[in-house]
Amino acid sequence: MRQGALGGRTRAAGAAAFGAALLSAVAAAAQSPDAPTTGRLTFSTAVDLNTNRSLAPVSPGTSLSVSESLGFSYRTETGTQLFELSGSGGLALDRVGGGAVSGSLATPQLRLRYTREAASGKLAVDARHDSRDVTSSFLADPLDPSSLIADSGTLATTSASVTANMRQDAPLSFSFDASYSGRDYSGTTDPALFDETTFVFSSTANLRLSPTTRAGLSLSQTSYVSADPFSTRYLQTDIGVVLSHDLADGTVLRGDLGYRDRRTTASSATTLETGLIGGIDISRPLPDGAVFGSLRIDSSSAAGTTTVLTFGRQLELPDGTLAASVSADYSPTGGVRLVGSASYSRQLSDGSVSLDVNQSLTTDNFGQDLRLTNLGFSYQKSLSPVDGISLSLNLGRSEDAGTGTAPTQDRAAFSATYTRMLAPDWSLSAGYRRQQLGGASVATSDSLFLILTKDLQFAF
């Protein structure tokens, strides 16, 4: 649910973070005017016919959308630095049922990336902004728990990060990281959709004790503010030490121990949680991949000490990869709960196929323990040098993992697309998409879409 004051601060902070990242990257890139440059312009016309665009329990009617979009990218690169700026935007005209035609921006996006490497350091800047309607968020990021919710309105997300590594070849080196992320909802009604911002800053001093042993001291601080019904915000400070050692067979042993201080304010009441955090990690390379394990302990929560034990395996196949992990999560309130993930990808002679399954645990701002399950499948196949098909399926579920008070929410999306090159710089895509919403509200939508794209590339 949008709240104006925080929404304005979210947009202002997001614009400031993105602008600062852009200005610093442009200034740095301007120092190398002789860098080779490439560019790209993309013009797209899209037509979409959808039976229930907002996934409402009762469809307001079939909608017809026609959009014109312009995309661009600018890239300059040398042996030591890279600057890349890309974006897209346009205008969409929509008509629902027999209603009037309305206009809106066609999912504006902006992305900036800059890296610079020197003999003893590295600087990296990354920033992006994205805006889309709330219901389509699941298509963009099915792993986000809030994307399972279908609602009216739009979601704007902004993120920016700066990473600097100094004296990385010296016995004593330093690293600094700063990041911002913000979500701004507009025109929504569900109280589970609210504006939020997160700032994170961390610094680390690394000491090389020997060719195989390293130690570090880290300090990080996280500031979070939300416009949820409780006006939740917190300030979390972590300080810790880490020690890692490389064995002769390539095995890496790592241990860390730290102290956490977290001050949370909700409904005008402030709580203080403090305690030790840490764990042990081990990874070992194998001829066909790697094996790894970890034990993590957190005693800073007021609910008691949590312990997570994880084992995993990565396998390199002749024509693909396979990875899997399983975790046993123990907490005083939830007992022992098993979660895990698995991913498989294979390169075919005429395409590719991938499958991802993931299950995780989280706690939302309402104090509910949630179990999140996602399944993703994709398949691409070339029919000829100029055309091909692609299929994708995403399933998501959020369900209670604690006291039984959290509702179950389900989302599913399937799409089939045919793409054909009409000319070296012209392409046509046509397809079908079906979405389903389950849980407290049940809804479905079917859509047919057609996209004509003109792609211009240049170098100078």
Protein backbone atom coordinates (compact mmCIF):
# COMPACT_ATOMS: atom_id res chain seq x y z
CA MET A 1 0.00 0.00 0.00
CA ARG A 2 1.52 3.29 -1.00
CA GLN A 3 2.07 6.01 1.58
CA GLY A 4 2.83 9.40 0.10
CA ALA A 5 5.52 10.67 2.47
CA LEU A 6 7.72 7.59 2.21
CA GLY A 7 6.89 7.24 -1.48
CA GLY A 8 8.28 10.74 -2.09
CA ARG A 9 11.38 9.99 -0.01
CA THR A 10 11.81 6.67 -1.85
CA ARG A 11 11.75 8.37 -5.23
CA ALA A 12 13.98 11.21 -4.07
CA ALA A 13 16.55 8.83 -2.52
CA GLY A 14 16.41 6.58 -5.56
CA ALA A 15 16.92 9.48 -7.96
CA ALA A 16 19.79 10.79 -5.86
CA ALA A 17 21.48 7.38 -5.69
CA PHE A 18 21.06 6.75 -9.40
CA GLY A 19 22.18 10.27 -10.29
CA ALA A 20 25.26 10.08 -8.10
CA ALA A 21 26.25 6.74 -9.63
CA LEU A 22 25.67 8.09 -13.15
CA LEU A 23 27.68 11.28 -12.62
CA SER A 24 30.65 9.45 -11.07
CA ALA A 25 30.70 6.88 -13.86
CA VAL A 26 30.38 9.45 -16.66
CA ALA A 27 33.14 11.57 -15.15
CA ALA A 28 35.45 8.56 -14.91
CA ALA A 29 34.64 7.35 -18.42
CA ALA A 30 35.31 10.79 -19.86
CA GLN A 31 38.95 10.45 -18.85
CA SER A 32 39.42 7.90 -21.70
CA PRO A 33 38.03 9.64 -24.81
CA ASP A 34 39.79 7.24 -27.19
CA ALA A 35 37.92 4.16 -25.97
CA PRO A 36 36.17 2.19 -28.77
CA THR A 37 32.44 2.85 -28.69
CA THR A 38 29.42 0.85 -29.85
CA GLY A 39 25.76 1.74 -29.76
CA ARG A 40 22.40 0.23 -30.43
CA LEU A 41 18.88 1.53 -31.11
CA THR A 42 15.80 -0.69 -30.98
CA PHE A 43 12.33 0.31 -32.15
CA SER A 44 9.46 -2.00 -31.18
CA THR A 45 5.76 -2.10 -31.90
CA ALA A 46 3.77 -4.51 -29.72
CA VAL A 47 0.13 -5.59 -29.74
CA ASP A 48 -1.29 -7.55 -26.79
CA LEU A 49 -4.79 -8.99 -26.41
CA ASN A 50 -5.46 -10.09 -22.80
CA THR A 51 -8.60 -11.55 -21.23
CA ASN A 52 -7.77 -10.39 -17.67
CA ARG A 53 -4.68 -8.19 -17.51
CA SER A 54 -4.96 -7.39 -13.78
CA LEU A 55 -5.72 -11.02 -12.78
CA ALA A 56 -8.87 -9.86 -10.99
CA PRO A 57 -11.23 -12.53 -9.55
CA VAL A 58 -13.85 -11.18 -11.97
CA SER A 59 -12.35 -9.97 -15.22
CA PRO A 60 -13.22 -6.36 -16.10
CA GLY A 61 -13.16 -7.40 -19.74
CA THR A 62 -10.72 -8.22 -22.51
CA SER A 63 -8.09 -5.53 -22.98
CA LEU A 64 -6.23 -4.48 -26.10
CA SER A 65 -2.85 -2.80 -25.71
CA VAL A 66 -0.73 -1.22 -28.42
CA SER A 67 2.69 0.14 -27.49
CA GLU A 68 5.60 1.87 -29.20
CA SER A 69 8.98 1.51 -27.47
CA LEU A 70 12.47 2.83 -28.02
CA GLY A 71 15.49 1.06 -26.57
CA PHE A 72 19.10 2.20 -26.61
CA SER A 73 22.51 1.12 -25.41
CA TYR A 74 25.88 2.86 -25.35
CA ARG A 75 29.09 0.98 -24.58
CA THR A 76 32.72 2.04 -24.47
CA GLU A 77 35.49 -0.32 -23.36
CA THR A 78 39.25 -0.42 -23.01
CA GLY A 79 41.61 -2.90 -21.44
CA THR A 80 41.09 -1.37 -18.00
CA GLN A 81 37.60 0.11 -17.96
CA LEU A 82 34.05 -0.41 -19.18
CA PHE A 83 31.18 2.07 -19.37
CA GLU A 84 27.72 0.92 -20.42
CA LEU A 85 24.40 2.78 -20.39
CA SER A 86 21.15 1.26 -21.65
CA GLY A 87 17.47 1.94 -21.33
CA SER A 88 14.04 1.72 -22.90
CA GLY A 89 10.71 3.44 -22.73
CA GLY A 90 7.71 4.39 -24.77
CA LEU A 91 3.97 4.89 -24.82
CA ALA A 92 1.19 2.31 -24.48
CA LEU A 93 -2.48 2.76 -25.39
CA ASP A 94 -4.94 0.46 -23.61
CA ARG A 95 -8.64 -0.22 -23.94
CA VAL A 96 -10.50 -2.52 -21.54
CA GLY A 97 -13.82 -3.95 -22.70
CA GLY A 98 -15.75 -1.21 -24.43
CA GLY A 99 -14.24 1.56 -22.27
CA ALA A 100 -12.26 4.60 -23.25
CA VAL A 101 -8.66 4.45 -24.47
CA SER A 102 -6.05 5.32 -21.82
CA GLY A 103 -2.35 6.03 -22.21
CA SER A 104 0.62 5.13 -20.03
CA LEU A 105 4.39 4.77 -20.14
CA ALA A 106 5.55 1.43 -21.53
CA THR A 107 7.70 -0.09 -18.72
CA PRO A 108 10.55 2.48 -18.62
CA GLN A 109 13.92 0.98 -17.72
CA LEU A 110 17.42 2.39 -17.24
CA ARG A 111 20.70 0.58 -16.49
CA LEU A 112 24.22 1.89 -15.84
CA ARG A 113 27.37 -0.18 -15.41
CA TYR A 114 30.93 1.02 -14.98
CA THR A 115 34.11 -0.80 -13.96
CA ARG A 116 37.70 0.38 -13.80
CA GLU A 117 40.71 -1.76 -12.95
CA ALA A 118 44.17 -0.64 -11.95
CA ALA A 119 47.32 -2.46 -10.95
CA SER A 120 46.30 -2.56 -7.29
CA GLY A 121 42.59 -1.82 -7.19
CA LYS A 122 39.17 -1.94 -8.80
CA LEU A 123 36.12 0.29 -8.88
CA ALA A 124 32.65 -0.92 -9.90
CA VAL A 125 29.43 1.10 -10.20
CA ASP A 126 26.05 -0.44 -10.99
CA ALA A 127 22.66 1.30 -11.03
CA ARG A 128 19.26 0.49 -12.49
CA HIS A 129 15.68 1.70 -12.50
CA ASP A 130 12.61 -0.23 -13.60
CA SER A 131 8.90 0.51 -13.60
CA ARG A 132 6.05 -1.87 -14.49
CA ASP A 133 2.52 -2.79 -13.49
CA VAL A 134 2.30 -4.84 -10.28
CA THR A 135 0.65 -7.91 -11.85
CA SER A 136 3.51 -8.42 -14.33
CA SER A 137 6.15 -8.37 -11.57
CA PHE A 138 5.98 -12.16 -11.33
CA LEU A 139 7.08 -12.44 -14.98
CA ALA A 140 10.11 -10.24 -14.25
CA ASP A 141 11.18 -11.77 -10.91
CA PRO A 142 9.30 -14.93 -9.87
CA LEU A 143 11.64 -15.38 -6.85
CA ASP A 144 10.39 -12.18 -5.20
CA PRO A 145 7.71 -13.09 -2.59
CA SER A 146 5.72 -9.90 -3.22
CA SER A 147 5.46 -10.75 -6.94
CA LEU A 148 2.98 -13.51 -6.05
CA ILE A 149 0.42 -10.79 -5.26
CA ALA A 150 -1.77 -9.51 -8.10
CA ASP A 151 -2.99 -5.95 -7.70
CA SER A 152 -3.68 -2.77 -9.59
CA GLY A 153 -1.11 0.00 -9.80
CA THR A 154 2.56 0.13 -10.65
CA LEU A 155 5.87 -0.78 -9.00
CA ALA A 156 9.05 1.25 -9.48
CA THR A 157 12.33 -0.26 -8.29
CA THR A 158 15.65 1.56 -8.06
CA SER A 159 19.03 0.21 -7.01
CA ALA A 160 22.59 1.51 -7.01
CA SER A 161 25.87 0.14 -5.71
CA VAL A 162 29.50 1.20 -5.57
CA THR A 163 32.34 -1.22 -4.78
CA ALA A 164 35.98 -0.26 -4.35
CA ASN A 165 38.96 -2.55 -3.73
CA MET A 166 42.28 -0.96 -2.76
CA ARG A 167 45.79 -2.40 -2.47
CA GLN A 168 44.42 -5.82 -3.43
CA ASP A 169 47.91 -7.17 -4.21
CA ALA A 170 49.44 -5.91 -0.95
CA PRO A 171 49.65 -7.84 2.33
CA LEU A 172 47.10 -5.38 3.79
CA SER A 173 44.19 -4.49 1.50
CA PHE A 174 40.86 -2.74 1.90
CA SER A 175 37.41 -2.99 0.33
CA PHE A 176 34.37 -0.72 0.58
CA ASP A 177 30.80 -1.35 -0.52
CA ALA A 178 27.77 0.93 -0.49
CA SER A 179 24.35 0.10 -1.93
CA TYR A 180 20.82 1.44 -2.09
CA SER A 181 17.59 -0.32 -3.06
CA GLY A 182 14.08 1.05 -3.07
CA ARG A 183 10.57 -0.06 -4.00
CA ASP A 184 7.80 2.45 -4.66
CA TYR A 185 4.20 1.29 -5.20
CA SER A 186 1.56 3.51 -6.72
CA GLY A 187 -2.19 2.86 -6.92
CA THR A 188 -2.20 -0.48 -5.02
CA THR A 189 -4.72 -1.68 -2.43
CA ASP A 190 -3.15 -4.75 -0.79
CA PRO A 191 -1.51 -3.85 2.59
CA ALA A 192 1.22 -6.43 1.89
CA LEU A 193 2.53 -4.14 -0.89
CA PHE A 194 4.32 -1.17 0.67
CA ASP A 195 7.17 1.21 -0.09
CA GLU A 196 10.56 0.37 1.38
CA THR A 197 14.17 1.51 1.16
CA THR A 198 17.42 -0.14 2.24
CA PHE A 199 20.89 1.39 2.57
CA VAL A 200 23.91 -0.84 3.21
CA PHE A 201 27.50 0.19 3.85
CA SER A 202 30.37 -2.16 4.62
CA SER A 203 34.15 -1.96 4.86
CA THR A 204 36.71 -4.71 5.25
CA ALA A 205 40.41 -4.78 6.04
CA ASN A 206 42.12 -7.93 4.73
CA LEU A 207 45.48 -9.18 5.98
CA ARG A 208 47.48 -11.86 4.16
CA LEU A 209 49.21 -13.83 6.91
CA SER A 210 50.85 -16.31 4.51
CA PRO A 211 50.40 -17.47 0.90
CA THR A 212 47.59 -19.77 2.07
CA THR A 213 46.11 -17.97 5.10
CA ARG A 214 44.14 -14.72 5.23
CA ALA A 215 42.39 -12.77 7.99
CA GLY A 216 39.93 -9.92 7.88
CA LEU A 217 38.06 -7.41 10.01
CA SER A 218 34.69 -6.19 8.72
CA LEU A 219 32.15 -3.56 9.73
CA SER A 220 28.75 -3.17 8.10
CA GLN A 221 25.60 -1.18 8.75
CA THR A 222 22.12 -1.65 7.26
CA SER A 223 19.35 0.94 7.45
CA TYR A 224 15.81 -0.13 6.49
CA VAL A 225 12.63 1.96 6.36
CA SER A 226 9.19 0.79 5.20
CA ALA A 227 5.65 2.10 4.87
CA ASP A 228 4.04 -1.13 6.07
CA PRO A 229 1.06 -0.89 8.49
CA PHE A 230 3.52 -0.80 11.42
CA SER A 231 5.94 1.76 9.92
CA THR A 232 8.76 -0.75 10.47
CA ARG A 233 12.32 0.46 10.37
CA TYR A 234 15.59 -0.86 11.75
CA LEU A 235 19.27 -0.10 12.02
CA GLN A 236 21.57 -3.11 12.09
CA THR A 237 25.30 -3.00 12.81
CA ASP A 238 27.62 -6.00 12.39
CA ILE A 239 31.28 -6.24 13.29
CA GLY A 240 33.31 -9.41 12.90
CA VAL A 241 36.53 -11.20 12.11
CA VAL A 242 37.13 -13.85 9.48
CA LEU A 243 39.93 -16.37 8.92
CA SER A 244 40.41 -18.51 5.80
CA HIS A 245 42.98 -21.13 4.83
CA ASP A 246 43.71 -22.95 1.57
CA LEU A 247 44.77 -26.61 1.72
CA ALA A 248 47.09 -28.28 -0.77
CA ASP A 249 44.27 -30.10 -2.57
CA GLY A 250 42.37 -26.84 -3.20
CA THR A 251 40.03 -27.15 -0.23
CA VAL A 252 39.17 -23.79 1.32
CA LEU A 253 38.35 -23.54 5.05
CA ARG A 254 36.69 -20.37 6.29
CA GLY A 255 35.47 -19.33 9.71
CA ASP A 256 33.95 -16.09 10.94
CA LEU A 257 32.68 -14.72 14.24
CA GLY A 258 30.91 -11.43 14.82
CA TYR A 259 28.59 -9.37 16.96
CA ARG A 260 25.25 -7.96 15.80
CA ASP A 261 23.30 -5.01 17.17
CA ARG A 262 19.82 -4.51 15.70
CA ARG A 263 17.35 -1.81 16.78
CA THR A 264 13.87 -2.21 15.33
CA THR A 265 10.99 0.25 15.60
CA ALA A 266 7.45 -0.85 14.75
CA SER A 267 4.16 0.76 15.85
CA SER A 268 6.25 3.38 17.72
CA ALA A 269 7.85 0.70 19.94
CA THR A 270 11.60 0.02 19.75
CA THR A 271 13.24 -3.32 20.49
CA LEU A 272 16.94 -4.09 20.82
CA GLU A 273 18.38 -7.44 19.73
CA THR A 274 22.05 -8.29 20.20
CA GLY A 275 24.14 -11.44 20.02
CA LEU A 276 26.88 -13.40 18.34
CA ILE A 277 26.78 -14.49 14.69
CA GLY A 278 29.20 -16.70 12.81
CA GLY A 279 29.90 -19.99 11.17
CA ILE A 280 32.24 -22.32 9.35
CA ASP A 281 32.37 -22.91 5.58
CA ILE A 282 34.25 -25.53 3.59
CA SER A 283 34.50 -26.01 -0.17
CA ARG A 284 36.54 -28.47 -2.19
CA PRO A 285 37.06 -28.56 -5.95
CA LEU A 286 36.62 -31.89 -7.75
CA PRO A 287 37.55 -32.95 -11.28
CA ASP A 288 33.90 -32.67 -12.30
CA GLY A 289 32.79 -29.71 -10.14
CA ALA A 290 32.86 -28.99 -6.42
CA VAL A 291 31.37 -29.95 -3.06
CA PHE A 292 30.65 -27.54 -0.22
CA GLY A 293 29.14 -27.31 3.26
CA SER A 294 28.50 -24.72 5.94
CA LEU A 295 27.26 -24.28 9.49
CA ARG A 296 25.78 -20.89 10.40
CA ILE A 297 24.69 -19.78 13.89
CA ASP A 298 22.83 -16.60 14.86
CA SER A 299 22.09 -15.84 18.53
CA SER A 300 21.05 -12.22 18.02
CA SER A 301 17.30 -12.84 17.63
CA ALA A 302 14.93 -12.35 20.56
CA ALA A 303 13.22 -15.60 19.52
CA GLY A 304 16.38 -17.60 20.28
CA THR A 305 19.41 -19.03 18.51
CA THR A 306 18.98 -20.25 14.94
CA THR A 307 21.25 -22.82 13.30
CA VAL A 308 21.50 -23.67 9.60
CA LEU A 309 23.46 -26.66 8.27
CA THR A 310 23.96 -26.81 4.48
CA PHE A 311 25.52 -29.30 2.08
CA GLY A 312 25.78 -28.95 -1.68
CA ARG A 313 27.29 -30.34 -4.88
CA GLN A 314 28.11 -28.75 -8.23
CA LEU A 315 28.59 -31.09 -11.18
CA GLU A 316 30.02 -30.18 -14.57
CA LEU A 317 28.48 -32.35 -17.28
CA PRO A 318 29.80 -32.80 -20.84
CA ASP A 319 27.00 -30.59 -22.21
CA GLY A 320 25.69 -28.76 -19.15
CA THR A 321 25.74 -28.23 -15.39
CA LEU A 322 23.91 -29.64 -12.38
CA ALA A 323 23.89 -28.12 -8.89
CA ALA A 324 21.97 -29.00 -5.73
CA SER A 325 21.99 -28.11 -2.04
CA VAL A 326 19.97 -29.02 1.04
CA SER A 327 19.73 -27.11 4.32
CA ALA A 328 18.45 -28.02 7.76
CA ASP A 329 17.19 -24.87 9.49
CA TYR A 330 16.60 -24.99 13.25
CA SER A 331 14.89 -22.31 15.33
CA PRO A 332 13.24 -22.51 18.78
CA THR A 333 9.87 -21.46 17.33
CA GLY A 334 9.84 -23.57 14.17
CA GLY A 335 11.95 -26.60 15.06
CA VAL A 336 13.89 -28.29 12.26
CA ARG A 337 12.81 -27.40 8.73
CA LEU A 338 14.38 -28.71 5.52
CA VAL A 339 14.79 -26.57 2.42
CA GLY A 340 16.92 -26.87 -0.68
CA SER A 341 17.56 -25.95 -4.28
CA ALA A 342 18.51 -27.65 -7.53
CA SER A 343 19.35 -26.37 -10.99
CA TYR A 344 20.08 -28.09 -14.28
CA SER A 345 21.06 -26.62 -17.62
CA ARG A 346 21.99 -28.36 -20.85
CA GLN A 347 23.21 -27.05 -24.18
CA LEU A 348 21.55 -28.84 -27.09
CA SER A 349 22.74 -29.01 -30.67
CA ASP A 350 19.89 -26.73 -31.72
CA GLY A 351 19.03 -24.90 -28.49
CA SER A 352 19.11 -25.17 -24.71
CA VAL A 353 17.04 -26.31 -21.74
CA SER A 354 17.13 -25.36 -18.05
CA LEU A 355 15.27 -26.32 -14.89
CA ASP A 356 15.47 -24.58 -11.49
CA VAL A 357 13.78 -25.56 -8.22
CA ASN A 358 14.23 -23.52 -5.07
CA GLN A 359 12.75 -23.53 -1.57
CA SER A 360 13.65 -21.04 1.15
CA LEU A 361 12.45 -19.63 4.48
CA THR A 362 11.85 -15.99 5.35
CA THR A 363 10.04 -13.78 7.85
CA ASP A 364 7.92 -10.91 6.57
CA ASN A 365 7.19 -7.53 8.16
CA PHE A 366 4.05 -8.96 9.76
CA GLY A 367 6.14 -11.42 11.81
CA GLN A 368 4.97 -14.43 9.77
CA ASP A 369 7.38 -17.27 8.92
CA LEU A 370 7.01 -18.13 5.23
CA ARG A 371 8.16 -21.05 3.10
CA LEU A 372 8.77 -19.95 -0.49
CA THR A 373 8.84 -22.51 -3.32
CA ASN A 374 9.67 -21.74 -6.96
CA LEU A 375 10.03 -23.82 -10.09
CA GLY A 376 11.30 -22.46 -13.37
CA PHE A 377 11.64 -24.19 -16.74
CA SER A 378 12.81 -22.82 -20.08
CA TYR A 379 13.44 -24.35 -23.48
CA GLN A 380 14.79 -22.78 -26.67
CA LYS A 381 15.02 -24.45 -30.04
CA SER A 382 16.27 -23.18 -33.41
CA LEU A 383 14.04 -24.31 -36.25
CA SER A 384 16.30 -22.82 -38.90
CA PRO A 385 19.01 -20.15 -39.13
CA VAL A 386 16.30 -17.46 -39.13
CA ASP A 387 13.59 -18.68 -36.76
CA GLY A 388 13.03 -20.53 -33.49
CA ILE A 389 10.69 -21.17 -30.59
CA SER A 390 10.95 -20.74 -26.84
CA LEU A 391 8.87 -22.10 -23.96
CA SER A 392 8.90 -21.01 -20.34
CA LEU A 393 7.06 -22.05 -17.18
CA ASN A 394 7.25 -20.44 -13.73
CA LEU A 395 5.44 -21.69 -10.62
CA GLY A 396 5.57 -19.90 -7.27
CA ARG A 397 4.07 -20.59 -3.86
CA SER A 398 4.20 -18.79 -0.51
CA GLU A 399 2.86 -20.70 2.50
CA ASP A 400 3.04 -20.59 6.26
CA ALA A 401 6.13 -22.10 7.89
CA GLY A 402 5.40 -21.19 11.50
CA THR A 403 2.22 -20.73 13.50
CA GLY A 404 -0.20 -21.31 10.63
CA THR A 405 -1.48 -17.72 10.27
CA ALA A 406 0.04 -16.80 6.89
CA PRO A 407 -2.20 -17.39 3.86
CA THR A 408 -1.13 -19.60 0.96
CA GLN A 409 -0.54 -17.80 -2.33
CA ASP A 410 0.11 -19.42 -5.72
CA ARG A 411 1.17 -17.98 -9.06
CA ALA A 412 1.82 -19.68 -12.38
CA ALA A 413 2.86 -18.35 -15.77
CA PHE A 414 3.39 -20.18 -19.06
CA SER A 415 4.46 -18.69 -22.37
CA ALA A 416 5.24 -19.96 -25.86
CA THR A 417 6.95 -17.66 -28.37
CA TYR A 418 7.86 -17.97 -32.04
CA THR A 419 10.54 -15.58 -33.37
CA ARG A 420 11.61 -15.04 -36.97
CA MET A 421 14.22 -12.76 -38.54
CA LEU A 422 12.54 -10.91 -41.41
CA ALA A 423 15.75 -9.12 -42.41
CA PRO A 424 19.19 -8.59 -40.85
CA ASP A 425 17.77 -5.81 -38.64
CA TRP A 426 14.07 -6.75 -38.50
CA SER A 427 12.47 -9.46 -36.35
CA LEU A 428 8.94 -10.61 -35.57
CA SER A 429 7.78 -12.41 -32.41
CA ALA A 430 4.36 -13.91 -31.79
CA GLY A 431 3.18 -15.92 -28.84
CA TYR A 432 0.71 -16.98 -26.19
CA ARG A 433 0.87 -16.48 -22.42
CA ARG A 434 -1.31 -17.85 -19.62
CA GLN A 435 -1.24 -16.75 -15.99
CA GLN A 436 -3.01 -18.19 -12.97
CA LEU A 437 -3.50 -16.86 -9.45
CA GLY A 438 -4.42 -19.12 -6.55
CA GLY A 439 -5.04 -18.78 -2.83
CA ALA A 440 -7.59 -16.41 -1.29
CA SER A 441 -8.37 -15.12 -4.81
CA VAL A 442 -8.50 -17.29 -7.89
CA ALA A 443 -8.06 -15.80 -11.35
CA THR A 444 -6.71 -16.64 -14.81
CA SER A 445 -5.70 -14.67 -17.87
CA ASP A 446 -4.85 -15.60 -21.45
CA SER A 447 -3.05 -13.31 -23.85
CA LEU A 448 -1.88 -13.26 -27.45
CA PHE A 449 0.96 -10.93 -28.37
CA LEU A 450 2.79 -9.76 -31.48
CA ILE A 451 6.03 -7.74 -31.47
CA LEU A 452 7.79 -6.19 -34.47
CA THR A 453 11.35 -4.97 -33.78
CA LYS A 454 13.85 -2.88 -35.73
CA ASP A 455 17.43 -3.20 -34.44
CA LEU A 456 20.17 -0.73 -35.45
CA GLN A 457 23.78 -1.22 -34.35
CA PHE A 458 26.68 1.15 -34.93
CA ALA A 459 30.28 1.74 -33.89
CA PHE A 460 32.49 4.80 -33.86
